Amino acid sequence: MGKTTSVKTIDRLVAVLDCFSAERPAWSLTELSQRLGLPKSTLHRFLTALESHSVLRCDPRDKRWRLGYRLLIWGNLAAESSNLRRIARPVMEDLVSATRETAILTVYYQQEVVCIEKVETDHPVRMTLHVGTRRPPHAGASSKVLMAYLPDEEIQAIVREKGLPRLCVNTITDPDRLREELARIRERGYAESHEETDLGAWGVATPVFDRDGKVVAAIGVAGPRSRYTEQRAQEFVALCRQAARRISALIGSDTAL
C-alpha cells in the first residue's frame, strides 16, 4: 500500500526545508524544482501554502524563497528544550577558555553530521562553523568520531549510498583507508583531522555517551593550522576527553574513555 496523502505531504515539507542551510539560505522556484524533481506548478502551490503559514517567505525583490519567521520561533523552542545543548553549553565554554579555540557539539542524523551547538573563541583568527551545518561523516574530527561508533552496516550504507567525496586536500576518499582510520579512532577514543574539510584547519574530537553506553554526540575543538603543534593536539585531546566525560555524566552515563 502506498503512502497516504498526509504522509506524502509531510515528506515533501521535510524535503523542502532540508534544502535550506547556512550555505544556501535562498532558492528560486526553478532551482527548487530542479533540486526536488517536482513540476514548478505543483511546487509553487506547495510553497505558497507554506508561505501562508509563515513557514517560508518569498522575497518580492528577487523572487527567491527563504525560511519564514515561524521556523525561528520553533527553532528557539527546540533549542530551549534540547537537554543536550543546555547541558553541554557551560562545559563547552570551559573548553574554549582552556584551549582558546572554537568548540563544537555535533550529532549524527540520517547519514550526515549536524552541528547543534558551538562556542567561538575570542581569538581574532579562528575557525567558524554555523549551528545547523551538515557535513558528510567521513571528514573532520567530530564527524569521524561519530562515524567510528556507528554499526558496521550503517557505515557500509554511507559508503555505498553517499560515497566519500573529497571536501579538502586531506579528505579520506578510499574505503579501506577510512575503515582503518575508524578502527584507529575506536582504539584511541578520539579523532584528529588536518585539512579534511577546510584549508588551513585542524581539530580533535571525542565521543559523548548516553546512559545506555551509546555515542550520542561528539565534542571537539577546531582551529587554524598556524597554531598547531603535536603537544597542543595531545593537550586538546585530554581536555576534550574531560569535557566529554562531564557531559556524559550529566546525561546519566558512566561510560568514559
Protein backbone atom coordinates (compact mmCIF):
# COMPACT_ATOMS: atom_id res chain seq x y z
CA MET A 1 0.00 0.00 0.00
CA GLY A 2 1.32 3.43 -0.91
CA LYS A 3 1.82 6.27 1.48
CA THR A 4 -1.23 8.28 2.48
CA THR A 5 -1.61 11.81 1.16
CA SER A 6 -0.87 13.31 4.58
CA VAL A 7 2.37 11.35 4.94
CA LYS A 8 3.45 12.34 1.43
CA THR A 9 2.78 15.98 2.33
CA ILE A 10 4.97 15.71 5.42
CA ASP A 11 7.71 14.05 3.37
CA ARG A 12 7.54 16.89 0.86
CA LEU A 13 7.63 19.50 3.64
CA VAL A 14 10.78 17.98 5.13
CA ALA A 15 12.39 17.68 1.69
CA VAL A 16 11.75 21.38 1.00
CA LEU A 17 13.03 22.56 4.38
CA ASP A 18 16.14 20.37 4.08
CA CYS A 19 17.16 22.38 1.02
CA PHE A 20 17.84 25.44 3.16
CA SER A 21 21.13 25.82 5.01
CA ALA A 22 23.56 28.48 6.18
CA GLU A 23 25.46 27.99 2.92
CA ARG A 24 22.30 28.13 0.77
CA PRO A 25 19.62 30.27 2.51
CA ALA A 26 17.66 31.29 -0.62
CA TRP A 27 16.32 29.43 -3.66
CA SER A 28 14.44 30.36 -6.78
CA LEU A 29 11.39 28.33 -7.80
CA THR A 30 13.32 26.88 -10.74
CA GLU A 31 16.27 25.85 -8.55
CA LEU A 32 14.00 24.15 -6.01
CA SER A 33 12.06 22.42 -8.79
CA GLN A 34 15.29 21.01 -10.22
CA ARG A 35 16.63 20.03 -6.78
CA LEU A 36 13.44 18.23 -5.72
CA GLY A 37 12.39 16.86 -9.10
CA LEU A 38 8.94 18.42 -8.85
CA PRO A 39 6.99 20.34 -11.51
CA LYS A 40 7.16 24.07 -10.94
CA SER A 41 3.37 24.44 -10.88
CA THR A 42 2.95 21.77 -8.20
CA LEU A 43 5.85 23.09 -6.16
CA HIS A 44 4.65 26.70 -6.38
CA ARG A 45 1.27 25.76 -4.91
CA PHE A 46 3.02 23.96 -2.08
CA LEU A 47 5.42 26.83 -1.38
CA THR A 48 2.57 29.33 -1.41
CA ALA A 49 0.70 27.24 1.15
CA LEU A 50 3.78 27.21 3.39
CA GLU A 51 4.10 30.96 2.96
CA SER A 52 0.54 31.42 4.20
CA HIS A 53 1.64 29.82 7.48
CA SER A 54 4.89 31.86 7.62
CA VAL A 55 6.98 28.70 7.26
CA LEU A 56 8.53 30.13 4.09
CA ARG A 57 8.55 33.59 2.54
CA CYS A 58 9.12 34.79 -1.00
CA ASP A 59 11.13 37.98 -1.18
CA PRO A 60 9.27 40.32 -3.56
CA ARG A 61 12.53 41.92 -4.65
CA ASP A 62 14.37 38.90 -6.02
CA LYS A 63 11.54 36.31 -6.05
CA ARG A 64 13.68 33.90 -4.05
CA TRP A 65 12.32 31.70 -1.29
CA ARG A 66 13.67 31.85 2.27
CA LEU A 67 12.74 30.38 5.63
CA GLY A 68 9.95 32.20 7.46
CA TYR A 69 9.69 33.58 10.98
CA ARG A 70 7.62 30.65 12.28
CA LEU A 71 10.67 28.41 11.97
CA LEU A 72 12.63 30.88 14.07
CA ILE A 73 10.03 30.51 16.81
CA TRP A 74 10.10 26.72 16.53
CA GLY A 75 13.89 26.73 16.46
CA ASN A 76 14.10 28.75 19.65
CA LEU A 77 11.64 26.42 21.35
CA ALA A 78 13.62 23.39 20.18
CA ALA A 79 16.84 24.95 21.43
CA GLU A 80 15.31 25.63 24.83
CA SER A 81 14.02 22.09 25.10
CA SER A 82 17.21 20.47 23.91
CA ASN A 83 18.64 18.96 27.04
CA LEU A 84 21.94 18.04 25.44
CA ARG A 85 22.64 21.56 24.18
CA ARG A 86 21.66 23.12 27.51
CA ILE A 87 23.85 20.72 29.47
CA ALA A 88 26.80 20.94 27.09
CA ARG A 89 26.97 24.73 26.74
CA PRO A 90 28.78 25.56 30.02
CA VAL A 91 31.15 22.63 29.51
CA MET A 92 31.94 23.94 26.03
CA GLU A 93 32.56 27.42 27.42
CA ASP A 94 35.10 25.94 29.83
CA LEU A 95 36.70 24.05 26.93
CA VAL A 96 37.06 27.26 24.92
CA SER A 97 38.59 29.03 27.91
CA ALA A 98 41.14 26.24 28.29
CA THR A 99 42.05 25.88 24.61
CA ARG A 100 41.34 29.34 23.19
CA GLU A 101 39.88 27.57 20.15
CA THR A 102 36.29 27.11 18.95
CA ALA A 103 34.34 24.24 20.49
CA ILE A 104 31.63 22.39 18.58
CA LEU A 105 29.00 19.82 19.52
CA THR A 106 27.78 17.52 16.75
CA VAL A 107 25.33 14.65 16.33
CA TYR A 108 24.75 12.03 13.65
CA TYR A 109 21.47 12.15 11.70
CA GLN A 110 20.49 10.29 8.54
CA GLN A 111 23.97 9.78 7.09
CA GLU A 112 25.09 13.30 7.94
CA VAL A 113 26.74 15.03 10.89
CA VAL A 114 24.97 18.13 12.18
CA CYS A 115 26.47 20.89 14.33
CA ILE A 116 23.93 21.53 17.11
CA GLU A 117 25.98 23.93 19.25
CA LYS A 118 29.16 25.98 19.05
CA VAL A 119 31.12 28.32 21.30
CA GLU A 120 33.59 30.51 19.48
CA THR A 121 36.90 31.69 20.85
CA ASP A 122 37.56 35.41 21.07
CA HIS A 123 40.84 34.89 19.23
CA PRO A 124 40.89 37.16 16.15
CA VAL A 125 41.95 34.25 13.92
CA ARG A 126 39.56 31.38 14.47
CA MET A 127 37.55 28.64 12.84
CA THR A 128 33.83 29.25 12.48
CA LEU A 129 31.01 26.76 11.96
CA HIS A 130 27.32 27.64 11.89
CA VAL A 131 24.85 25.78 14.09
CA GLY A 132 22.82 23.64 11.71
CA THR A 133 25.72 22.99 9.34
CA ARG A 134 25.53 19.48 7.91
CA ARG A 135 28.55 17.57 6.66
CA PRO A 136 29.38 14.06 5.45
CA PRO A 137 30.53 11.81 8.30
CA HIS A 138 33.82 10.71 6.72
CA ALA A 139 35.72 14.01 7.03
CA GLY A 140 36.67 16.07 10.07
CA ALA A 141 37.44 15.01 13.63
CA SER A 142 33.93 15.33 15.06
CA SER A 143 32.37 13.63 12.04
CA LYS A 144 34.79 10.70 12.09
CA VAL A 145 34.25 10.14 15.81
CA LEU A 146 30.53 9.77 15.23
CA MET A 147 31.02 7.54 12.21
CA ALA A 148 33.52 5.32 14.04
CA TYR A 149 30.91 4.23 16.57
CA LEU A 150 28.12 3.52 14.09
CA PRO A 151 27.07 -0.08 13.39
CA ASP A 152 29.11 -1.60 10.57
CA GLU A 153 26.05 -1.94 8.34
CA GLU A 154 25.39 1.79 8.69
CA ILE A 155 28.98 2.62 7.77
CA GLN A 156 28.69 0.39 4.70
CA ALA A 157 25.42 2.09 3.73
CA ILE A 158 27.04 5.53 3.94
CA VAL A 159 29.93 4.49 1.73
CA ARG A 160 27.60 2.79 -0.74
CA GLU A 161 24.89 5.47 -0.92
CA LYS A 162 26.78 8.70 -0.23
CA GLY A 163 30.28 7.84 -1.37
CA LEU A 164 33.36 9.53 0.03
CA PRO A 165 33.53 12.90 -1.75
CA ARG A 166 36.70 14.96 -1.44
CA LEU A 167 35.96 18.06 0.62
CA CYS A 168 39.54 19.27 1.04
CA VAL A 169 43.13 18.25 0.37
CA ASN A 170 43.32 15.55 3.07
CA THR A 171 39.81 14.10 2.92
CA ILE A 172 39.89 10.31 3.09
CA THR A 173 38.27 9.04 -0.11
CA ASP A 174 39.42 5.42 -0.10
CA PRO A 175 37.05 2.99 1.72
CA ASP A 176 39.89 0.80 3.00
CA ARG A 177 41.78 3.78 4.41
CA LEU A 178 38.58 5.01 6.03
CA ARG A 179 37.94 1.66 7.71
CA GLU A 180 41.49 1.72 9.07
CA GLU A 181 41.01 5.26 10.34
CA LEU A 182 37.71 4.42 12.07
CA ALA A 183 39.30 1.38 13.75
CA ARG A 184 42.15 3.59 14.97
CA ILE A 185 39.64 6.12 16.37
CA ARG A 186 37.80 3.39 18.29
CA GLU A 187 41.12 2.10 19.65
CA ARG A 188 42.35 5.55 20.76
CA GLY A 189 38.99 7.03 21.72
CA TYR A 190 39.48 10.25 19.78
CA ALA A 191 39.83 11.60 16.25
CA GLU A 192 42.13 14.17 14.75
CA SER A 193 41.90 15.90 11.39
CA HIS A 194 44.13 18.14 9.31
CA GLU A 195 42.60 19.99 6.37
CA GLU A 196 39.96 17.32 5.76
CA THR A 197 37.08 19.80 5.45
CA ASP A 198 38.66 23.27 5.29
CA LEU A 199 42.05 24.53 4.13
CA GLY A 200 44.28 25.60 7.00
CA ALA A 201 42.11 23.92 9.66
CA TRP A 202 42.79 21.18 12.18
CA GLY A 203 40.80 19.70 15.03
CA VAL A 204 40.33 16.95 17.58
CA ALA A 205 37.15 15.39 18.96
CA THR A 206 35.94 12.77 21.44
CA PRO A 207 32.65 10.88 21.84
CA VAL A 208 29.85 11.66 24.29
CA PHE A 209 27.94 8.65 25.69
CA ASP A 210 24.36 8.33 26.96
CA ARG A 211 23.17 6.24 29.90
CA ASP A 212 22.96 3.16 27.67
CA GLY A 213 26.59 3.48 26.66
CA LYS A 214 25.76 4.65 23.14
CA VAL A 215 27.59 7.51 21.45
CA VAL A 216 25.09 10.35 21.07
CA ALA A 217 27.36 13.28 20.22
CA ALA A 218 30.92 14.42 19.66
CA ILE A 219 32.64 17.29 21.41
CA GLY A 220 35.60 18.83 19.65
CA VAL A 221 37.77 21.88 19.14
CA ALA A 222 38.96 23.32 15.85
CA GLY A 223 41.49 25.96 14.98
CA PRO A 224 43.89 27.18 12.29
CA ARG A 225 46.89 25.05 11.36
CA SER A 226 49.15 28.01 12.17
CA ARG A 227 48.58 27.29 15.88
CA TYR A 228 49.00 23.52 15.63
CA THR A 229 51.71 21.63 17.48
CA GLU A 230 51.78 17.96 18.41
CA GLN A 231 51.92 18.92 22.08
CA ARG A 232 48.85 21.17 21.77
CA ALA A 233 46.99 18.39 19.97
CA GLN A 234 47.56 15.97 22.86
CA GLU A 235 46.60 18.64 25.39
CA PHE A 236 43.40 19.31 23.48
CA VAL A 237 42.57 15.60 23.30
CA ALA A 238 42.85 15.40 27.10
CA LEU A 239 40.67 18.49 27.52
CA CYS A 240 38.07 17.17 25.08
CA ARG A 241 38.01 13.87 26.96
CA GLN A 242 37.38 15.73 30.21
CA ALA A 243 34.58 17.71 28.56
CA ALA A 244 33.04 14.55 27.08
CA ARG A 245 33.15 12.82 30.47
CA ARG A 246 31.41 15.79 32.11
CA ILE A 247 28.65 15.91 29.52
CA SER A 248 28.24 12.12 29.54
CA ALA A 249 27.93 12.09 33.33
CA LEU A 250 25.40 14.92 33.27
CA ILE A 251 23.14 12.94 30.94
CA GLY A 252 23.39 9.85 33.14
CA SER A 253 26.25 7.88 31.61
CA ASP A 254 29.02 6.12 33.49
CA THR A 255 30.85 5.27 30.26
CA ALA A 256 34.12 7.11 29.68
CA LEU A 257 37.20 6.85 27.50
